[in-house]
Amino acid sequence: MTSLAPRIGTIDFADPNREKKPHREYSAYGQSELADSLFAPELRRRLSESGSSVISTAAPAGISAANLMPEERNL
């Protein structure tokens, strides 16, 4: 399970930490959510193939008091 943010996200593999472009909250969040949504199933696949009993899941953070998007304070 994840949010809708991966649909707006793209991953810039030449600048994955977004050091060469201005920080834009929604763009950075979309990239992060997309990366998470790709990582979790791949990790699950690799763990399963190795015979591990560890599971991999992904869940949306939702709107929380993390101060990731300060303009959303009134929610």
Protein backbone atom coordinates (compact mmCIF):
# COMPACT_ATOMS: atom_id res chain seq x y z
CA MET A 1 0.00 0.00 0.00
CA THR A 2 1.27 3.47 -0.78
CA SER A 3 -0.05 6.92 -1.55
CA LEU A 4 -0.93 8.47 -4.90
CA ALA A 5 2.35 10.43 -4.82
CA PRO A 6 4.28 7.91 -6.95
CA ARG A 7 2.02 8.88 -9.84
CA ILE A 8 3.48 12.40 -9.78
CA GLY A 9 7.00 11.25 -9.01
CA THR A 10 9.95 10.73 -11.27
CA ILE A 11 13.41 9.61 -10.25
CA ASP A 12 16.34 11.61 -11.56
CA PHE A 13 19.11 9.00 -11.32
CA ALA A 14 21.69 11.64 -12.27
CA ASP A 15 20.69 13.67 -9.17
CA PRO A 16 18.82 11.31 -6.79
CA ASN A 17 19.43 13.51 -3.74
CA ARG A 18 18.17 16.60 -5.56
CA GLU A 19 21.38 18.52 -4.91
CA LYS A 20 21.49 20.22 -8.32
CA LYS A 21 17.95 21.60 -8.44
CA PRO A 22 15.80 23.67 -6.11
CA HIS A 23 13.87 21.83 -3.43
CA ARG A 24 10.19 21.50 -4.27
CA GLU A 25 8.22 19.68 -1.61
CA TYR A 26 5.74 17.83 -3.82
CA SER A 27 8.34 16.86 -6.39
CA ALA A 28 10.70 15.55 -3.70
CA TYR A 29 7.84 13.74 -1.97
CA GLY A 30 6.72 12.16 -5.24
CA GLN A 31 10.26 10.95 -5.95
CA SER A 32 10.57 9.52 -2.46
CA GLU A 33 7.21 7.73 -2.63
CA LEU A 34 8.00 6.34 -6.07
CA ALA A 35 11.35 5.02 -4.84
CA ASP A 36 9.64 3.42 -1.82
CA SER A 37 6.96 1.82 -3.98
CA LEU A 38 9.65 0.30 -6.22
CA PHE A 39 11.96 -0.75 -3.38
CA ALA A 40 9.50 -2.65 -1.16
CA PRO A 41 8.35 -5.26 -3.71
CA GLU A 42 11.90 -5.76 -4.98
CA LEU A 43 13.16 -6.30 -1.44
CA ARG A 44 10.26 -8.73 -0.84
CA ARG A 45 11.20 -10.64 -3.99
CA ARG A 46 14.86 -10.91 -3.00
CA LEU A 47 14.07 -11.94 0.56
CA SER A 48 11.66 -14.60 -0.67
CA GLU A 49 14.19 -15.98 -3.16
CA SER A 50 16.81 -16.22 -0.42
CA GLY A 51 14.43 -18.19 1.80
CA SER A 52 14.24 -15.45 4.43
CA SER A 53 11.20 -15.24 6.70
CA VAL A 54 11.55 -11.43 6.82
CA ILE A 55 8.77 -9.54 5.04
CA SER A 56 8.86 -6.20 3.26
CA THR A 57 5.90 -3.84 3.25
CA ALA A 58 5.26 -0.23 2.32
CA ALA A 59 2.65 2.08 3.81
CA PRO A 60 1.82 5.74 3.18
CA ALA A 61 2.88 8.28 5.76
CA GLY A 62 -0.12 10.43 4.97
CA ILE A 63 -0.37 13.94 6.30
CA SER A 64 1.48 13.91 9.59
CA ALA A 65 3.18 16.37 11.89
CA ALA A 66 6.54 15.75 10.19
CA ASN A 67 6.86 19.34 8.87
CA LEU A 68 7.73 17.99 5.42
CA MET A 69 5.29 20.35 3.73
CA PRO A 70 4.97 23.46 5.94
CA GLU A 71 2.26 25.03 3.75
CA GLU A 72 -0.11 22.21 4.80
CA ARG A 73 -0.13 23.25 8.49
CA ASN A 74 -3.83 24.08 8.51
CA LEU A 75 -4.95 20.52 7.75
